[in-house]
């Protein structure tokens, strides 16, 4: 157990050390940023489906996964599920294309830390993960190629969760997550002025906005499993998150800044004026987190193969942010369809390591809900992954690797098309904390 905790701590420290910015997407300029919460590495490697629930992997999308039947394995003597740990990090490279040019970016983040503990028919889970991320660098260029406005943003929303699951029957389980969301988003806008000779004026005006966010929301889950033949098992899941609110405490300032004439980097700040948002009823505002419904189903042979599909609908048309809005963007209801699965040659093989490896693949297509200049921002991705057995063979622990290739956005209306590659790595570690003592 101590060794596993050391490994987890080292992984978190390593991930945090390189996690300077959670995203490099210009689309994080809008709303609360780009969505980071997409499930575990195992889910993402199968196109994002969370239909498959087992006793040895944490499932962060469906709280019904905290519950489950005792493991039907001689190795566990018919006892309850193991305690499950999960920790992950991700690295993303992105190529940005528009009609006016190309650029590249990258980001590296800590993805999640979670623990699931079985207690009879109940199961408890808790953990930490990023929910959204903001990280953009945008320049508004005139017809002469000169920068007239520069926009920068950083921050995001994190999620701490605690959940409870209950095994209603051998086939049906139910669960609920209690989530506390918190974080801040910072945006700056620099208006660039030129003198009559066309040179950048040394002193410019910069607007700074900051919103500190916090709020609670719930996520309910159902999971159903049944045998439809001697070997084939049917799985069906559903999750629902009702609409909730985020409280936003806002501030806005205008400052005179001194900038370099070459790269427009800020050298010094002076004459800062704080805007009276209280008189505009914008000091404290409410943001809506839209309701979300997801349903999926799949079939497979336990510990051998699985294929599933999942559909998600979110009422993002209900989102609004009074403190930060613009005329060229809007929100519509978002949706996503995902397909994927896995294959294990022989999970119980005594020889041949790669026979016990889990091979995963999938794809997804989604409408993100963001509309810019009347163009819906869509996303497509295809993913692959490996589940590599590690440690004690009796505990089914894994190191999981995932690779996703995708595209987001469009070059229409001089917007930006993102071609991205996500590399994800996680540890899914199991331990037996509650072993029944047996006497002859």
Protein backbone atom coordinates (compact mmCIF):
# COMPACT_ATOMS: atom_id res chain seq x y z
CA UNK A 1 0.00 0.00 0.00
CA UNK A 2 2.78 2.46 0.91
CA UNK A 3 4.50 1.84 -2.41
CA UNK A 4 1.29 2.59 -4.29
CA UNK A 5 0.75 5.85 -2.40
CA UNK A 6 4.33 6.89 -3.16
CA UNK A 7 3.78 6.22 -6.85
CA UNK A 8 0.59 8.31 -6.78
CA UNK A 9 2.34 11.23 -5.05
CA UNK A 10 5.25 11.16 -7.51
CA UNK A 11 2.83 11.14 -10.43
CA UNK A 12 0.86 14.10 -9.08
CA UNK A 13 4.02 16.12 -8.43
CA UNK A 14 5.38 15.33 -11.89
CA UNK A 15 2.10 16.27 -13.57
CA UNK A 16 1.76 19.50 -11.60
CA UNK A 17 5.32 20.51 -12.39
CA UNK A 18 4.66 20.59 -16.13
CA UNK A 19 1.04 21.78 -15.94
CA UNK A 20 1.53 25.47 -16.70
CA UNK A 21 -1.67 25.89 -18.69
CA UNK A 22 -4.63 23.57 -19.13
CA UNK A 23 -5.35 24.35 -22.78
CA UNK A 24 -3.98 26.15 -25.83
CA UNK A 25 -7.33 26.47 -27.59
CA UNK A 26 -8.50 29.90 -28.81
CA UNK A 27 -12.06 28.65 -28.25
CA UNK A 28 -11.39 28.73 -24.50
CA UNK A 29 -12.00 32.50 -24.88
CA UNK A 30 -15.74 31.76 -24.74
CA UNK A 31 -17.92 30.72 -21.82
CA UNK A 32 -16.08 28.97 -18.98
CA UNK A 33 -13.36 27.68 -21.31
CA UNK A 34 -12.87 24.30 -22.96
CA UNK A 35 -14.30 21.24 -21.21
CA UNK A 36 -11.58 19.18 -19.50
CA UNK A 37 -13.74 16.62 -17.69
CA UNK A 38 -14.04 13.80 -20.23
CA UNK A 39 -13.73 10.73 -18.02
CA UNK A 40 -10.82 8.43 -17.31
CA UNK A 41 -8.08 7.52 -19.76
CA UNK A 42 -9.85 4.18 -20.23
CA UNK A 43 -13.07 6.00 -21.25
CA UNK A 44 -11.31 8.43 -23.56
CA UNK A 45 -9.41 5.62 -25.29
CA UNK A 46 -12.78 4.12 -26.26
CA UNK A 47 -14.16 7.26 -27.88
CA UNK A 48 -15.34 8.67 -24.55
CA UNK A 49 -17.94 6.00 -23.74
CA UNK A 50 -18.61 5.36 -20.05
CA UNK A 51 -21.02 2.44 -20.61
CA UNK A 52 -18.61 -0.24 -19.47
CA UNK A 53 -18.50 -0.62 -15.67
CA UNK A 54 -16.31 -3.20 -13.96
CA UNK A 55 -14.91 -3.90 -10.51
CA UNK A 56 -11.29 -2.92 -11.11
CA UNK A 57 -11.47 0.51 -12.80
CA UNK A 58 -12.79 3.82 -11.49
CA UNK A 59 -15.55 5.34 -13.62
CA UNK A 60 -15.76 9.10 -13.11
CA UNK A 61 -18.78 9.64 -15.36
CA UNK A 62 -21.31 7.38 -13.64
CA UNK A 63 -21.52 7.24 -9.81
CA UNK A 64 -23.43 3.95 -10.02
CA UNK A 65 -19.98 2.43 -10.71
CA UNK A 66 -19.01 2.87 -7.04
CA UNK A 67 -21.32 -0.05 -6.20
CA UNK A 68 -21.04 -3.60 -7.50
CA UNK A 69 -21.29 -7.29 -6.76
CA UNK A 70 -18.47 -9.22 -5.03
CA UNK A 71 -15.79 -10.39 -7.43
CA UNK A 72 -16.53 -13.85 -8.78
CA UNK A 73 -12.91 -14.92 -8.56
CA UNK A 74 -11.08 -17.51 -6.49
CA UNK A 75 -8.30 -14.96 -6.09
CA UNK A 76 -10.64 -12.76 -4.02
CA UNK A 77 -12.40 -15.63 -2.17
CA UNK A 78 -15.78 -14.21 -3.15
CA UNK A 79 -15.11 -11.01 -1.19
CA UNK A 80 -16.10 -7.47 -2.11
CA UNK A 81 -14.50 -5.36 -4.84
CA UNK A 82 -11.01 -3.96 -4.29
CA UNK A 83 -10.29 -0.40 -3.25
CA UNK A 84 -9.52 1.46 -6.47
CA UNK A 85 -7.08 4.32 -7.02
CA UNK A 86 -6.79 6.35 -10.20
CA UNK A 87 -4.46 9.20 -11.14
CA UNK A 88 -3.75 10.63 -14.58
CA UNK A 89 -2.07 13.37 -16.60
CA UNK A 90 -2.31 14.52 -20.20
CA UNK A 91 -0.23 16.29 -22.81
CA UNK A 92 -1.72 18.03 -25.86
CA UNK A 93 -0.18 19.36 -29.03
CA UNK A 94 -2.30 21.50 -31.34
CA UNK A 95 -1.88 22.98 -34.81
CA UNK A 96 -4.03 26.08 -35.40
CA UNK A 97 -5.05 26.96 -38.95
CA UNK A 98 -6.97 29.93 -40.34
CA UNK A 99 -7.15 31.81 -43.63
CA UNK A 100 -4.62 34.29 -42.27
CA UNK A 101 -1.95 31.82 -41.10
CA UNK A 102 -0.91 28.85 -38.97
CA UNK A 103 0.38 28.47 -35.43
CA UNK A 104 1.17 25.71 -32.95
CA UNK A 105 0.61 25.32 -29.24
CA UNK A 106 0.88 22.77 -26.45
CA UNK A 107 -0.30 22.16 -22.91
CA UNK A 108 0.22 19.61 -20.17
CA UNK A 109 -2.14 19.00 -17.27
CA UNK A 110 -2.96 16.92 -14.24
CA UNK A 111 -6.21 15.16 -15.21
CA UNK A 112 -7.68 13.57 -12.09
CA UNK A 113 -7.11 11.88 -8.76
CA UNK A 114 -9.82 9.52 -7.49
CA UNK A 115 -10.42 6.83 -4.89
CA UNK A 116 -13.29 4.33 -4.71
CA UNK A 117 -13.97 2.27 -1.55
CA UNK A 118 -16.45 -0.64 -1.38
CA UNK A 119 -18.62 -1.19 1.71
CA UNK A 120 -20.93 -4.16 1.15
CA UNK A 121 -23.64 -3.20 -1.34
CA UNK A 122 -22.52 0.42 -1.06
CA UNK A 123 -19.53 2.13 -2.57
CA UNK A 124 -17.97 5.51 -1.90
CA UNK A 125 -15.88 7.64 -4.22
CA UNK A 126 -14.13 10.99 -4.02
CA UNK A 127 -11.48 12.91 -5.89
CA UNK A 128 -10.29 16.03 -7.68
CA UNK A 129 -10.18 16.99 -11.36
CA UNK A 130 -10.15 20.04 -13.64
CA UNK A 131 -13.58 20.82 -15.09
CA UNK A 132 -12.81 23.56 -17.64
CA UNK A 133 -9.63 25.34 -18.73
CA UNK A 134 -8.92 28.78 -20.18
CA UNK A 135 -5.68 29.44 -22.01
CA UNK A 136 -5.70 31.59 -25.14
CA UNK A 137 -3.51 34.14 -26.89
CA UNK A 138 -5.37 36.03 -29.63
CA UNK A 139 -4.35 39.02 -31.75
CA UNK A 140 -6.76 41.17 -33.76
CA UNK A 141 -4.92 42.29 -36.92
CA UNK A 142 -5.95 45.07 -39.34
CA UNK A 143 -5.64 45.05 -43.15
CA UNK A 144 -2.04 46.30 -42.92
CA UNK A 145 -1.03 43.36 -40.73
CA UNK A 146 -0.71 45.48 -37.58
CA UNK A 147 -1.99 44.23 -34.22
CA UNK A 148 -4.79 46.52 -33.01
CA UNK A 149 -6.04 44.40 -30.08
CA UNK A 150 -4.35 41.68 -28.05
CA UNK A 151 -6.35 39.27 -25.88
CA UNK A 152 -4.96 36.91 -23.25
CA UNK A 153 -6.74 34.53 -20.88
CA UNK A 154 -5.94 31.91 -18.26
CA UNK A 155 -7.55 29.96 -15.43
CA UNK A 156 -10.45 27.56 -15.31
CA UNK A 157 -12.83 25.69 -13.03
CA UNK A 158 -11.87 22.68 -10.89
CA UNK A 159 -14.12 20.05 -9.38
CA UNK A 160 -13.96 18.27 -6.02
CA UNK A 161 -16.45 15.42 -5.78
CA UNK A 162 -17.75 12.86 -3.33
CA UNK A 163 -20.18 10.15 -4.37
CA UNK A 164 -22.21 7.21 -3.14
CA UNK A 165 -23.38 4.14 -5.04
CA UNK A 166 -25.78 1.34 -4.05
CA UNK A 167 -26.30 -2.13 -5.55
CA UNK A 168 -30.10 -2.37 -5.76
CA UNK A 169 -30.05 -5.89 -7.24
CA UNK A 170 -27.60 -8.18 -9.03
CA UNK A 171 -28.41 -6.34 -12.27
CA UNK A 172 -29.11 -2.74 -11.20
CA UNK A 173 -27.11 -0.10 -9.32
CA UNK A 174 -27.67 3.58 -8.57
CA UNK A 175 -25.38 6.41 -7.52
CA UNK A 176 -25.06 10.15 -6.99
CA UNK A 177 -22.08 12.52 -7.04
CA UNK A 178 -21.92 15.75 -5.04
CA UNK A 179 -19.62 18.19 -6.85
CA UNK A 180 -18.11 21.43 -5.60
CA UNK A 181 -16.82 23.59 -8.46
CA UNK A 182 -14.34 26.38 -7.87
CA UNK A 183 -11.74 28.43 -9.69
CA UNK A 184 -11.11 31.72 -11.43
CA UNK A 185 -10.90 33.08 -14.96
CA UNK A 186 -8.69 36.03 -15.89
CA UNK A 187 -8.96 37.94 -19.17
CA UNK A 188 -6.92 40.89 -20.42
CA UNK A 189 -7.46 43.07 -23.48
CA UNK A 190 -4.81 45.48 -24.77
CA UNK A 191 -5.87 48.20 -27.23
CA UNK A 192 -2.83 49.04 -29.38
CA UNK A 193 -2.44 52.66 -30.52
CA UNK A 194 -0.02 54.01 -33.14
CA UNK A 195 1.45 57.48 -33.68
CA UNK A 196 1.15 59.30 -37.06
CA UNK A 197 4.42 57.70 -38.22
CA UNK A 198 2.92 54.24 -37.69
CA UNK A 199 5.01 53.35 -34.65
CA UNK A 200 3.56 51.78 -31.51
CA UNK A 201 2.89 54.33 -28.76
CA UNK A 202 4.80 53.45 -25.59
CA UNK A 203 1.82 53.86 -23.24
CA UNK A 204 -1.32 51.83 -23.96
CA UNK A 205 -4.62 51.06 -22.23
CA UNK A 206 -5.27 47.57 -20.85
CA UNK A 207 -8.52 46.13 -19.52
CA UNK A 208 -8.34 43.35 -16.92
CA UNK A 209 -11.27 41.13 -15.87
CA UNK A 210 -11.29 38.48 -13.17
CA UNK A 211 -14.12 36.22 -12.06
CA UNK A 212 -13.85 33.99 -8.97
CA UNK A 213 -16.30 31.11 -9.36
CA UNK A 214 -17.85 28.61 -6.97
CA UNK A 215 -20.95 26.43 -6.78
CA UNK A 216 -22.43 22.98 -6.20
CA UNK A 217 -24.04 20.53 -8.60
CA UNK A 218 -25.24 16.91 -8.61
CA UNK A 219 -24.80 13.98 -10.98
CA UNK A 220 -27.11 10.94 -10.82
CA UNK A 221 -26.33 7.59 -12.41
CA UNK A 222 -27.96 4.25 -13.19
CA UNK A 223 -26.27 1.08 -14.42
CA UNK A 224 -27.87 -2.17 -15.59
CA UNK A 225 -26.14 -5.45 -16.46
CA UNK A 226 -27.61 -8.80 -17.44
CA UNK A 227 -26.58 -11.97 -19.25
CA UNK A 228 -28.29 -12.49 -22.62
CA UNK A 229 -26.47 -15.79 -23.22
CA UNK A 230 -23.97 -18.01 -21.44
CA UNK A 231 -21.10 -15.71 -22.44
CA UNK A 232 -22.57 -12.42 -23.65
CA UNK A 233 -23.49 -9.63 -21.25
CA UNK A 234 -25.65 -6.57 -21.96
CA UNK A 235 -24.85 -3.26 -20.27
CA UNK A 236 -26.94 -0.08 -20.20
CA UNK A 237 -26.26 3.18 -18.36
CA UNK A 238 -27.80 6.60 -17.88
CA UNK A 239 -26.60 9.72 -16.10
CA UNK A 240 -28.30 13.04 -15.47
CA UNK A 241 -26.95 16.29 -14.08
CA UNK A 242 -29.66 18.87 -13.34
CA UNK A 243 -29.14 22.55 -14.07
CA UNK A 244 -27.15 24.37 -11.38
CA UNK A 245 -25.61 27.76 -10.68
CA UNK A 246 -22.10 29.09 -10.26
CA UNK A 247 -21.62 32.22 -8.16
CA UNK A 248 -19.22 34.67 -9.77
CA UNK A 249 -17.48 37.49 -7.88
CA UNK A 250 -16.15 39.88 -10.50
CA UNK A 251 -13.67 42.71 -10.80
CA UNK A 252 -12.68 44.92 -13.73
CA UNK A 253 -9.86 47.44 -13.97
CA UNK A 254 -8.36 49.74 -16.60
CA UNK A 255 -4.65 50.49 -16.47
CA UNK A 256 -2.06 52.50 -18.34
CA UNK A 257 0.72 50.12 -19.33
CA UNK A 258 4.11 50.61 -20.89
CA UNK A 259 4.83 48.15 -23.70
CA UNK A 260 7.83 47.25 -25.81
CA UNK A 261 7.58 48.40 -29.41
CA UNK A 262 8.60 45.02 -30.85
CA UNK A 263 6.54 42.29 -29.21
CA UNK A 264 4.06 44.47 -27.25
CA UNK A 265 5.03 42.83 -23.98
CA UNK A 266 3.96 44.80 -20.90
CA UNK A 267 6.93 46.41 -19.15
CA UNK A 268 5.17 48.31 -16.36
CA UNK A 269 1.65 49.10 -15.08
CA UNK A 270 0.44 52.44 -13.71
CA UNK A 271 -2.70 54.52 -13.15
CA UNK A 272 -5.02 51.59 -12.44
CA UNK A 273 -8.71 52.46 -12.14
CA UNK A 274 -11.23 49.96 -10.71
CA UNK A 275 -14.62 49.92 -12.37
CA UNK A 276 -17.64 50.24 -10.06
CA UNK A 277 -19.38 46.99 -11.00
CA UNK A 278 -21.63 47.25 -7.93
CA UNK A 279 -23.58 50.12 -9.48
CA UNK A 280 -24.10 48.03 -12.64
CA UNK A 281 -25.28 44.96 -10.67
CA UNK A 282 -22.27 43.05 -12.04
CA UNK A 283 -20.14 42.71 -8.92
CA UNK A 284 -21.78 39.38 -8.03
CA UNK A 285 -23.49 37.42 -10.79
CA UNK A 286 -24.83 33.93 -11.40
CA UNK A 287 -23.76 31.61 -14.24
CA UNK A 288 -25.82 28.62 -15.29
CA UNK A 289 -24.26 25.17 -15.61
CA UNK A 290 -26.66 23.52 -18.10
CA UNK A 291 -28.37 20.20 -17.45
CA UNK A 292 -26.78 17.14 -19.03
CA UNK A 293 -28.26 13.76 -20.00
CA UNK A 294 -26.26 10.77 -21.22
CA UNK A 295 -27.51 7.30 -22.23
CA UNK A 296 -25.55 4.32 -23.53
CA UNK A 297 -25.61 0.60 -24.14
CA UNK A 298 -23.18 -2.13 -25.10
CA UNK A 299 -22.55 -5.84 -25.29
CA UNK A 300 -19.53 -7.98 -24.61
CA UNK A 301 -17.98 -11.03 -23.05
CA UNK A 302 -16.68 -10.24 -19.55
CA UNK A 303 -12.88 -9.95 -19.38
CA UNK A 304 -12.64 -10.59 -23.14
CA UNK A 305 -14.25 -7.92 -25.33
CA UNK A 306 -16.81 -5.12 -25.31
CA UNK A 307 -18.43 -2.70 -27.74
CA UNK A 308 -20.70 0.18 -26.78
CA UNK A 309 -22.37 3.39 -27.90
CA UNK A 310 -23.31 6.50 -25.95
CA UNK A 311 -25.29 9.67 -26.70
CA UNK A 312 -25.02 12.85 -24.64
CA UNK A 313 -27.20 15.95 -24.76
CA UNK A 314 -26.52 19.17 -22.85
CA UNK A 315 -28.70 22.29 -22.73
CA UNK A 316 -25.83 24.71 -23.35
CA UNK A 317 -28.27 27.15 -25.00
CA UNK A 318 -29.18 28.11 -21.42
CA UNK A 319 -25.65 29.36 -20.65
CA UNK A 320 -24.97 33.06 -20.24
CA UNK A 321 -22.32 35.20 -18.57
CA UNK A 322 -23.50 38.76 -17.80
CA UNK A 323 -20.01 40.04 -16.99
CA UNK A 324 -18.35 38.92 -20.22
CA UNK A 325 -20.27 38.75 -23.48
CA UNK A 326 -19.79 39.66 -27.15
CA UNK A 327 -21.91 40.07 -30.25
CA UNK A 328 -20.31 37.44 -32.52
CA UNK A 329 -20.82 34.37 -30.32
CA UNK A 330 -23.81 32.48 -28.92
CA UNK A 331 -24.61 29.06 -27.49
CA UNK A 332 -26.85 26.27 -28.72
CA UNK A 333 -27.63 22.86 -27.24
CA UNK A 334 -24.65 20.53 -27.54
CA UNK A 335 -24.59 16.81 -28.27
CA UNK A 336 -22.09 14.01 -28.69
CA UNK A 337 -22.17 10.48 -30.03
CA UNK A 338 -19.41 8.05 -29.06
CA UNK A 339 -18.57 4.50 -30.04
CA UNK A 340 -15.79 2.25 -28.84
CA UNK A 341 -14.69 -0.84 -27.03
CA UNK A 342 -11.83 -3.08 -25.98
CA UNK A 343 -10.32 -6.53 -26.55
CA UNK A 344 -8.27 -8.75 -24.20
CA UNK A 345 -6.64 -11.83 -25.81
CA UNK A 346 -6.48 -13.78 -22.52
CA UNK A 347 -6.76 -11.87 -19.23
CA UNK A 348 -5.78 -14.97 -17.20
CA UNK A 349 -2.74 -16.04 -19.23
CA UNK A 350 0.16 -17.37 -17.16
CA UNK A 351 2.67 -16.67 -19.94
CA UNK A 352 2.73 -14.10 -22.68
CA UNK A 353 2.43 -10.61 -21.19
CA UNK A 354 0.70 -9.07 -24.22
CA UNK A 355 -2.12 -11.62 -23.98
CA UNK A 356 -3.22 -9.81 -20.81
CA UNK A 357 -2.98 -6.31 -22.30
CA UNK A 358 -6.26 -4.44 -22.88
CA UNK A 359 -6.49 -3.01 -26.42
CA UNK A 360 -8.92 -0.09 -26.74
CA UNK A 361 -10.22 2.03 -29.63
CA UNK A 362 -13.12 4.35 -30.43
CA UNK A 363 -14.30 7.58 -32.01
CA UNK A 364 -16.60 10.50 -31.22
CA UNK A 365 -18.36 13.37 -32.94
CA UNK A 366 -19.77 16.33 -31.05
CA UNK A 367 -21.39 19.69 -31.46
CA UNK A 368 -19.69 21.69 -28.68
CA UNK A 369 -22.64 24.09 -28.34
CA UNK A 370 -20.52 27.13 -29.23
CA UNK A 371 -21.62 29.22 -32.25
CA UNK A 372 -19.32 31.93 -33.63
CA UNK A 373 -20.28 34.12 -36.60
CA UNK A 374 -23.21 31.72 -37.21
CA UNK A 375 -20.79 28.76 -37.47
CA UNK A 376 -21.32 25.81 -35.10
CA UNK A 377 -18.04 24.65 -33.57
CA UNK A 378 -17.88 20.87 -33.95
CA UNK A 379 -15.30 18.35 -32.81
CA UNK A 380 -14.25 14.95 -34.11
CA UNK A 381 -11.80 12.52 -32.55
CA UNK A 382 -10.47 8.99 -32.99
CA UNK A 383 -8.70 7.31 -30.10
CA UNK A 384 -6.58 4.29 -29.22
CA UNK A 385 -5.30 2.94 -25.94
CA UNK A 386 -3.53 0.19 -24.03
CA UNK A 387 -4.14 -1.15 -20.54
CA UNK A 388 -0.80 -2.58 -19.36
CA UNK A 389 -0.93 -4.96 -16.37
CA UNK A 390 1.36 -3.89 -13.51
CA UNK A 391 2.13 -5.13 -10.02
CA UNK A 392 0.44 -8.07 -8.33
CA UNK A 393 -1.29 -10.19 -10.97
CA UNK A 394 -4.05 -11.04 -8.51
CA UNK A 395 -5.14 -7.38 -8.19
CA UNK A 396 -5.56 -6.51 -11.89
CA UNK A 397 -3.82 -3.12 -11.65
CA UNK A 398 -3.02 -1.29 -14.88
CA UNK A 399 -1.00 1.51 -16.39
CA UNK A 400 -3.20 3.00 -19.11
CA UNK A 401 -1.96 4.82 -22.19
CA UNK A 402 -4.26 6.71 -24.53
CA UNK A 403 -3.75 8.56 -27.82
CA UNK A 404 -6.39 10.74 -29.48
CA UNK A 405 -6.27 12.49 -32.86
CA UNK A 406 -8.94 15.09 -33.50
CA UNK A 407 -10.17 18.26 -35.11
CA UNK A 408 -12.13 21.13 -33.62
CA UNK A 409 -13.62 24.17 -35.33
CA UNK A 410 -13.56 25.42 -38.92
CA UNK A 411 -11.72 27.91 -41.14
CA UNK A 412 -15.02 29.34 -42.41
CA UNK A 413 -15.62 33.02 -41.58
CA UNK A 414 -11.88 33.30 -40.89
CA UNK A 415 -12.24 31.18 -37.75
CA UNK A 416 -9.64 28.75 -36.45
CA UNK A 417 -9.44 25.02 -37.12
CA UNK A 418 -7.60 23.05 -34.44
CA UNK A 419 -5.90 19.76 -35.28
CA UNK A 420 -4.87 18.21 -31.99
CA UNK A 421 -3.12 15.18 -30.55
CA UNK A 422 -3.82 14.21 -26.94
CA UNK A 423 -1.56 11.78 -25.09
CA UNK A 424 -2.95 10.51 -21.77
CA UNK A 425 -1.40 8.30 -19.12
CA UNK A 426 -2.96 6.97 -15.93
CA UNK A 427 -2.44 4.48 -13.16
CA UNK A 428 -5.41 2.33 -12.14
CA UNK A 429 -4.31 0.61 -8.94
CA UNK A 430 -6.26 -1.87 -6.82
CA UNK A 431 -5.75 -3.02 -3.25
CA UNK A 432 -7.50 -5.30 -0.76
CA UNK A 433 -8.16 -3.34 2.42
CA UNK A 434 -11.00 -5.41 3.85
CA UNK A 435 -10.12 -9.11 3.89
CA UNK A 436 -12.25 -11.51 5.92
CA UNK A 437 -10.26 -13.53 8.40
CA UNK A 438 -11.03 -17.25 8.12
CA UNK A 439 -10.49 -19.90 10.76
CA UNK A 440 -10.51 -23.68 10.48
